[in-house]
Amino acid sequence: VCTVCIFYTSLGGVRAVVWTDCLQTI
């Protein structure tokens, strides 16, 4: 789980963070 978090955050910045949060909240 930690590896996945670091991976998408490092690549996509805050846009990736926001949209993954959106998916995860749903």
PDB file of all heavy atoms in Angstrom:
ATOM      1  N   VAL A   1       0.834  -1.207   0.000  1.00  0.00           N
ATOM      2  CA  VAL A   1       0.000   0.000   0.000  1.00  0.00           C
ATOM      3  C   VAL A   1       0.869   1.258   0.000  1.00  0.00           C
ATOM      4  O   VAL A   1       0.605   2.214  -0.737  1.00  0.00           O
ATOM      5  CB  VAL A   1      -0.948  -0.012   1.215  1.00  0.00           C
ATOM      6  CG1 VAL A   1      -1.695   1.308   1.325  1.00  0.00           C
ATOM      7  CG2 VAL A   1      -1.931  -1.161   1.106  1.00  0.00           C
ATOM      8  N   CYS A   2       1.918   1.278   0.802  1.00  0.00           N
ATOM      9  CA  CYS A   2       2.811   2.440   0.856  1.00  0.00           C
ATOM     10  C   CYS A   2       3.500   2.667  -0.487  1.00  0.00           C
ATOM     11  O   CYS A   2       3.661   3.806  -0.927  1.00  0.00           O
ATOM     12  CB  CYS A   2       3.857   2.258   1.952  1.00  0.00           C
ATOM     13  SG  CYS A   2       3.191   2.327   3.630  1.00  0.00           S
ATOM     14  N   THR A   3       3.901   1.583  -1.148  1.00  0.00           N
ATOM     15  CA  THR A   3       4.556   1.701  -2.452  1.00  0.00           C
ATOM     16  C   THR A   3       3.622   2.311  -3.485  1.00  0.00           C
ATOM     17  O   THR A   3       4.020   3.180  -4.276  1.00  0.00           O
ATOM     18  CB  THR A   3       5.041   0.319  -2.937  1.00  0.00           C
ATOM     19  OG1 THR A   3       5.959  -0.222  -1.987  1.00  0.00           O
ATOM     20  CG2 THR A   3       5.712   0.416  -4.291  1.00  0.00           C
ATOM     21  N   VAL A   4       2.374   1.877  -3.491  1.00  0.00           N
ATOM     22  CA  VAL A   4       1.393   2.442  -4.426  1.00  0.00           C
ATOM     23  C   VAL A   4       1.211   3.935  -4.171  1.00  0.00           C
ATOM     24  O   VAL A   4       1.184   4.753  -5.100  1.00  0.00           O
ATOM     25  CB  VAL A   4       0.043   1.702  -4.302  1.00  0.00           C
ATOM     26  CG1 VAL A   4      -1.045   2.424  -5.101  1.00  0.00           C
ATOM     27  CG2 VAL A   4       0.181   0.263  -4.784  1.00  0.00           C
ATOM     28  N   CYS A   5       1.098   4.329  -2.894  1.00  0.00           N
ATOM     29  CA  CYS A   5       0.921   5.749  -2.541  1.00  0.00           C
ATOM     30  C   CYS A   5       2.095   6.587  -3.039  1.00  0.00           C
ATOM     31  O   CYS A   5       1.902   7.640  -3.669  1.00  0.00           O
ATOM     32  CB  CYS A   5       0.802   5.895  -1.031  1.00  0.00           C
ATOM     33  SG  CYS A   5      -0.702   5.253  -0.313  1.00  0.00           S
ATOM     34  N   ILE A   6       3.294   6.134  -2.762  1.00  0.00           N
ATOM     35  CA  ILE A   6       4.485   6.885  -3.156  1.00  0.00           C
ATOM     36  C   ILE A   6       4.579   6.972  -4.669  1.00  0.00           C
ATOM     37  O   ILE A   6       4.934   8.018  -5.226  1.00  0.00           O
ATOM     38  CB  ILE A   6       5.751   6.219  -2.568  1.00  0.00           C
ATOM     39  CG1 ILE A   6       5.736   6.324  -1.047  1.00  0.00           C
ATOM     40  CG2 ILE A   6       7.011   6.876  -3.117  1.00  0.00           C
ATOM     41  CD1 ILE A   6       6.836   5.528  -0.367  1.00  0.00           C
ATOM     42  N   PHE A   7       4.213   5.904  -5.344  1.00  0.00           N
ATOM     43  CA  PHE A   7       4.331   5.854  -6.799  1.00  0.00           C
ATOM     44  C   PHE A   7       3.436   6.883  -7.484  1.00  0.00           C
ATOM     45  O   PHE A   7       3.898   7.721  -8.258  1.00  0.00           O
ATOM     46  CB  PHE A   7       3.990   4.444  -7.295  1.00  0.00           C
ATOM     47  CG  PHE A   7       4.071   4.292  -8.786  1.00  0.00           C
ATOM     48  CD1 PHE A   7       5.297   4.139  -9.414  1.00  0.00           C
ATOM     49  CD2 PHE A   7       2.923   4.306  -9.568  1.00  0.00           C
ATOM     50  CE1 PHE A   7       5.381   4.000 -10.797  1.00  0.00           C
ATOM     51  CE2 PHE A   7       2.988   4.168 -10.940  1.00  0.00           C
ATOM     52  CZ  PHE A   7       4.227   4.013 -11.559  1.00  0.00           C
ATOM     53  N   TYR A   8       2.120   6.848  -7.175  1.00  0.00           N
ATOM     54  CA  TYR A   8       1.229   7.759  -7.902  1.00  0.00           C
ATOM     55  C   TYR A   8       1.410   9.202  -7.461  1.00  0.00           C
ATOM     56  O   TYR A   8       1.186  10.133  -8.238  1.00  0.00           O
ATOM     57  CB  TYR A   8      -0.236   7.305  -7.814  1.00  0.00           C
ATOM     58  CG  TYR A   8      -0.951   7.465  -6.502  1.00  0.00           C
ATOM     59  CD1 TYR A   8      -1.290   8.710  -5.992  1.00  0.00           C
ATOM     60  CD2 TYR A   8      -1.378   6.344  -5.790  1.00  0.00           C
ATOM     61  CE1 TYR A   8      -1.984   8.842  -4.803  1.00  0.00           C
ATOM     62  CE2 TYR A   8      -2.083   6.469  -4.601  1.00  0.00           C
ATOM     63  CZ  TYR A   8      -2.383   7.719  -4.121  1.00  0.00           C
ATOM     64  OH  TYR A   8      -3.092   7.843  -2.940  1.00  0.00           O
ATOM     65  N   THR A   9       1.833   9.427  -6.221  1.00  0.00           N
ATOM     66  CA  THR A   9       2.084  10.797  -5.772  1.00  0.00           C
ATOM     67  C   THR A   9       3.328  11.374  -6.434  1.00  0.00           C
ATOM     68  O   THR A   9       3.335  12.529  -6.874  1.00  0.00           O
ATOM     69  CB  THR A   9       2.267  10.827  -4.244  1.00  0.00           C
ATOM     70  OG1 THR A   9       1.106  10.269  -3.625  1.00  0.00           O
ATOM     71  CG2 THR A   9       2.455  12.248  -3.744  1.00  0.00           C
ATOM     72  N   SER A  10       4.384  10.584  -6.509  1.00  0.00           N
ATOM     73  CA  SER A  10       5.638  11.047  -7.105  1.00  0.00           C
ATOM     74  C   SER A  10       5.454  11.392  -8.575  1.00  0.00           C
ATOM     75  O   SER A  10       5.998  12.376  -9.073  1.00  0.00           O
ATOM     76  CB  SER A  10       6.724   9.973  -6.957  1.00  0.00           C
ATOM     77  OG  SER A  10       6.941   9.661  -5.608  1.00  0.00           O
ATOM     78  N   LEU A  11       4.670  10.591  -9.270  1.00  0.00           N
ATOM     79  CA  LEU A  11       4.499  10.807 -10.710  1.00  0.00           C
ATOM     80  C   LEU A  11       3.538  11.946 -11.017  1.00  0.00           C
ATOM     81  O   LEU A  11       3.827  12.821 -11.826  1.00  0.00           O
ATOM     82  CB  LEU A  11       3.980   9.523 -11.375  1.00  0.00           C
ATOM     83  CG  LEU A  11       4.969   8.388 -11.588  1.00  0.00           C
ATOM     84  CD1 LEU A  11       4.259   7.206 -12.256  1.00  0.00           C
ATOM     85  CD2 LEU A  11       6.141   8.842 -12.442  1.00  0.00           C
ATOM     86  N   GLY A  12       2.372  11.943 -10.363  1.00  0.00           N
ATOM     87  CA  GLY A  12       1.299  12.833 -10.794  1.00  0.00           C
ATOM     88  C   GLY A  12       1.119  14.104 -10.014  1.00  0.00           C
ATOM     89  O   GLY A  12       0.316  14.962 -10.408  1.00  0.00           O
ATOM     90  N   GLY A  13       1.834  14.281  -8.888  1.00  0.00           N
ATOM     91  CA  GLY A  13       1.682  15.504  -8.106  1.00  0.00           C
ATOM     92  C   GLY A  13       0.310  15.612  -7.475  1.00  0.00           C
ATOM     93  O   GLY A  13      -0.408  14.629  -7.288  1.00  0.00           O
ATOM     94  N   VAL A  14      -0.087  16.849  -7.184  1.00  0.00           N
ATOM     95  CA  VAL A  14      -1.334  17.058  -6.460  1.00  0.00           C
ATOM     96  C   VAL A  14      -2.550  16.671  -7.295  1.00  0.00           C
ATOM     97  O   VAL A  14      -3.584  16.270  -6.756  1.00  0.00           O
ATOM     98  CB  VAL A  14      -1.452  18.528  -5.993  1.00  0.00           C
ATOM     99  CG1 VAL A  14      -1.778  19.457  -7.162  1.00  0.00           C
ATOM    100  CG2 VAL A  14      -2.503  18.657  -4.890  1.00  0.00           C
ATOM    101  N   ARG A  15      -2.453  16.743  -8.627  1.00  0.00           N
ATOM    102  CA  ARG A  15      -3.591  16.331  -9.460  1.00  0.00           C
ATOM    103  C   ARG A  15      -3.876  14.842  -9.284  1.00  0.00           C
ATOM    104  O   ARG A  15      -5.033  14.425  -9.157  1.00  0.00           O
ATOM    105  CB  ARG A  15      -3.317  16.648 -10.928  1.00  0.00           C
ATOM    106  CG  ARG A  15      -3.346  18.135 -11.246  1.00  0.00           C
ATOM    107  CD  ARG A  15      -3.127  18.388 -12.733  1.00  0.00           C
ATOM    108  NE  ARG A  15      -3.198  19.815 -13.013  1.00  0.00           N
ATOM    109  CZ  ARG A  15      -4.320  20.494 -13.219  1.00  0.00           C
ATOM    110  NH1 ARG A  15      -5.474  19.864 -13.189  1.00  0.00           N
ATOM    111  NH2 ARG A  15      -4.294  21.786 -13.448  1.00  0.00           N
ATOM    112  N   ALA A  16      -2.825  14.044  -9.285  1.00  0.00           N
ATOM    113  CA  ALA A  16      -3.002  12.612  -9.067  1.00  0.00           C
ATOM    114  C   ALA A  16      -3.536  12.340  -7.671  1.00  0.00           C
ATOM    115  O   ALA A  16      -4.405  11.489  -7.474  1.00  0.00           O
ATOM    116  CB  ALA A  16      -1.687  11.882  -9.288  1.00  0.00           C
ATOM    117  N   VAL A  17      -3.024  13.075  -6.692  1.00  0.00           N
ATOM    118  CA  VAL A  17      -3.476  12.908  -5.310  1.00  0.00           C
ATOM    119  C   VAL A  17      -4.965  13.207  -5.194  1.00  0.00           C
ATOM    120  O   VAL A  17      -5.738  12.438  -4.605  1.00  0.00           O
ATOM    121  CB  VAL A  17      -2.668  13.814  -4.360  1.00  0.00           C
ATOM    122  CG1 VAL A  17      -3.295  13.837  -2.973  1.00  0.00           C
ATOM    123  CG2 VAL A  17      -1.221  13.345  -4.268  1.00  0.00           C
ATOM    124  N   VAL A  18      -5.388  14.324  -5.779  1.00  0.00           N
ATOM    125  CA  VAL A  18      -6.789  14.740  -5.673  1.00  0.00           C
ATOM    126  C   VAL A  18      -7.715  13.740  -6.359  1.00  0.00           C
ATOM    127  O   VAL A  18      -8.746  13.343  -5.806  1.00  0.00           O
ATOM    128  CB  VAL A  18      -6.963  16.158  -6.267  1.00  0.00           C
ATOM    129  CG1 VAL A  18      -8.442  16.473  -6.472  1.00  0.00           C
ATOM    130  CG2 VAL A  18      -6.338  17.199  -5.349  1.00  0.00           C
ATOM    131  N   TRP A  19      -7.359  13.309  -7.565  1.00  0.00           N
ATOM    132  CA  TRP A  19      -8.246  12.408  -8.298  1.00  0.00           C
ATOM    133  C   TRP A  19      -8.254  11.003  -7.728  1.00  0.00           C
ATOM    134  O   TRP A  19      -9.286  10.315  -7.762  1.00  0.00           O
ATOM    135  CB  TRP A  19      -7.890  12.402  -9.777  1.00  0.00           C
ATOM    136  CG  TRP A  19      -8.444  13.613 -10.486  1.00  0.00           C
ATOM    137  CD1 TRP A  19      -7.764  14.709 -10.918  1.00  0.00           C
ATOM    138  CD2 TRP A  19      -9.821  13.834 -10.810  1.00  0.00           C
ATOM    139  NE1 TRP A  19      -8.631  15.607 -11.495  1.00  0.00           N
ATOM    140  CE2 TRP A  19      -9.896  15.105 -11.448  1.00  0.00           C
ATOM    141  CE3 TRP A  19     -10.988  13.109 -10.636  1.00  0.00           C
ATOM    142  CZ2 TRP A  19     -11.090  15.637 -11.913  1.00  0.00           C
ATOM    143  CZ3 TRP A  19     -12.192  13.641 -11.091  1.00  0.00           C
ATOM    144  CH2 TRP A  19     -12.223  14.895 -11.714  1.00  0.00           C
ATOM    145  N   THR A  20      -7.129  10.531  -7.194  1.00  0.00           N
ATOM    146  CA  THR A  20      -7.160   9.232  -6.523  1.00  0.00           C
ATOM    147  C   THR A  20      -7.962   9.329  -5.231  1.00  0.00           C
ATOM    148  O   THR A  20      -8.710   8.403  -4.893  1.00  0.00           O
ATOM    149  CB  THR A  20      -5.736   8.730  -6.206  1.00  0.00           C
ATOM    150  OG1 THR A  20      -4.990   9.750  -5.540  1.00  0.00           O
ATOM    151  CG2 THR A  20      -5.008   8.306  -7.461  1.00  0.00           C
ATOM    152  N   ASP A  21      -7.830  10.447  -4.518  1.00  0.00           N
ATOM    153  CA  ASP A  21      -8.663  10.660  -3.332  1.00  0.00           C
ATOM    154  C   ASP A  21     -10.144  10.638  -3.693  1.00  0.00           C
ATOM    155  O   ASP A  21     -10.975  10.103  -2.946  1.00  0.00           O
ATOM    156  CB  ASP A  21      -8.319  11.999  -2.671  1.00  0.00           C
ATOM    157  CG  ASP A  21      -7.051  11.920  -1.835  1.00  0.00           C
ATOM    158  OD1 ASP A  21      -6.558  10.798  -1.624  1.00  0.00           O
ATOM    159  OD2 ASP A  21      -6.555  12.977  -1.409  1.00  0.00           O
ATOM    160  N   CYS A  22     -10.476  11.235  -4.836  1.00  0.00           N
ATOM    161  CA  CYS A  22     -11.868  11.268  -5.293  1.00  0.00           C
ATOM    162  C   CYS A  22     -12.381   9.847  -5.529  1.00  0.00           C
ATOM    163  O   CYS A  22     -13.466   9.469  -5.071  1.00  0.00           O
ATOM    164  CB  CYS A  22     -11.963  12.097  -6.572  1.00  0.00           C
ATOM    165  SG  CYS A  22     -13.645  12.324  -7.184  1.00  0.00           S
ATOM    166  N   LEU A  23     -11.583   9.057  -6.263  1.00  0.00           N
ATOM    167  CA  LEU A  23     -11.946   7.660  -6.510  1.00  0.00           C
ATOM    168  C   LEU A  23     -12.086   6.892  -5.206  1.00  0.00           C
ATOM    169  O   LEU A  23     -13.053   6.137  -4.996  1.00  0.00           O
ATOM    170  CB  LEU A  23     -10.876   7.012  -7.401  1.00  0.00           C
ATOM    171  CG  LEU A  23     -10.928   5.489  -7.551  1.00  0.00           C
ATOM    172  CD1 LEU A  23     -12.188   5.078  -8.294  1.00  0.00           C
ATOM    173  CD2 LEU A  23      -9.686   4.973  -8.276  1.00  0.00           C
ATOM    174  N   GLN A  24     -11.138   7.090  -4.316  1.00  0.00           N
ATOM    175  CA  GLN A  24     -11.132   6.339  -3.065  1.00  0.00           C
ATOM    176  C   GLN A  24     -12.278   6.758  -2.148  1.00  0.00           C
ATOM    177  O   GLN A  24     -12.844   5.923  -1.425  1.00  0.00           O
ATOM    178  CB  GLN A  24      -9.777   6.535  -2.373  1.00  0.00           C
ATOM    179  CG  GLN A  24      -8.622   5.902  -3.133  1.00  0.00           C
ATOM    180  CD  GLN A  24      -7.275   6.531  -2.826  1.00  0.00           C
ATOM    181  OE1 GLN A  24      -7.158   7.360  -1.924  1.00  0.00           O
ATOM    182  NE2 GLN A  24      -6.259   6.156  -3.584  1.00  0.00           N
ATOM    183  N   THR A  25     -12.644   8.033  -2.164  1.00  0.00           N
ATOM    184  CA  THR A  25     -13.766   8.495  -1.338  1.00  0.00           C
ATOM    185  C   THR A  25     -15.068   7.865  -1.803  1.00  0.00           C
ATOM    186  O   THR A  25     -15.901   7.453  -0.988  1.00  0.00           O
ATOM    187  CB  THR A  25     -13.880  10.029  -1.404  1.00  0.00           C
ATOM    188  OG1 THR A  25     -12.678  10.620  -0.909  1.00  0.00           O
ATOM    189  CG2 THR A  25     -15.051  10.522  -0.569  1.00  0.00           C
ATOM    190  N   ILE A  26     -15.243   7.776  -3.119  1.00  0.00           N
ATOM    191  CA  ILE A  26     -16.454   7.157  -3.660  1.00  0.00           C
ATOM    192  C   ILE A  26     -16.543   5.703  -3.225  1.00  0.00           C
ATOM    193  O   ILE A  26     -17.607   5.225  -2.793  1.00  0.00           O
ATOM    194  CB  ILE A  26     -16.464   7.277  -5.199  1.00  0.00           C
ATOM    195  CG1 ILE A  26     -16.639   8.748  -5.607  1.00  0.00           C
ATOM    196  CG2 ILE A  26     -17.589   6.427  -5.799  1.00  0.00           C
ATOM    197  CD1 ILE A  26     -16.495   8.997  -7.085  1.00  0.00           C
TER     198      ILE A  26
END
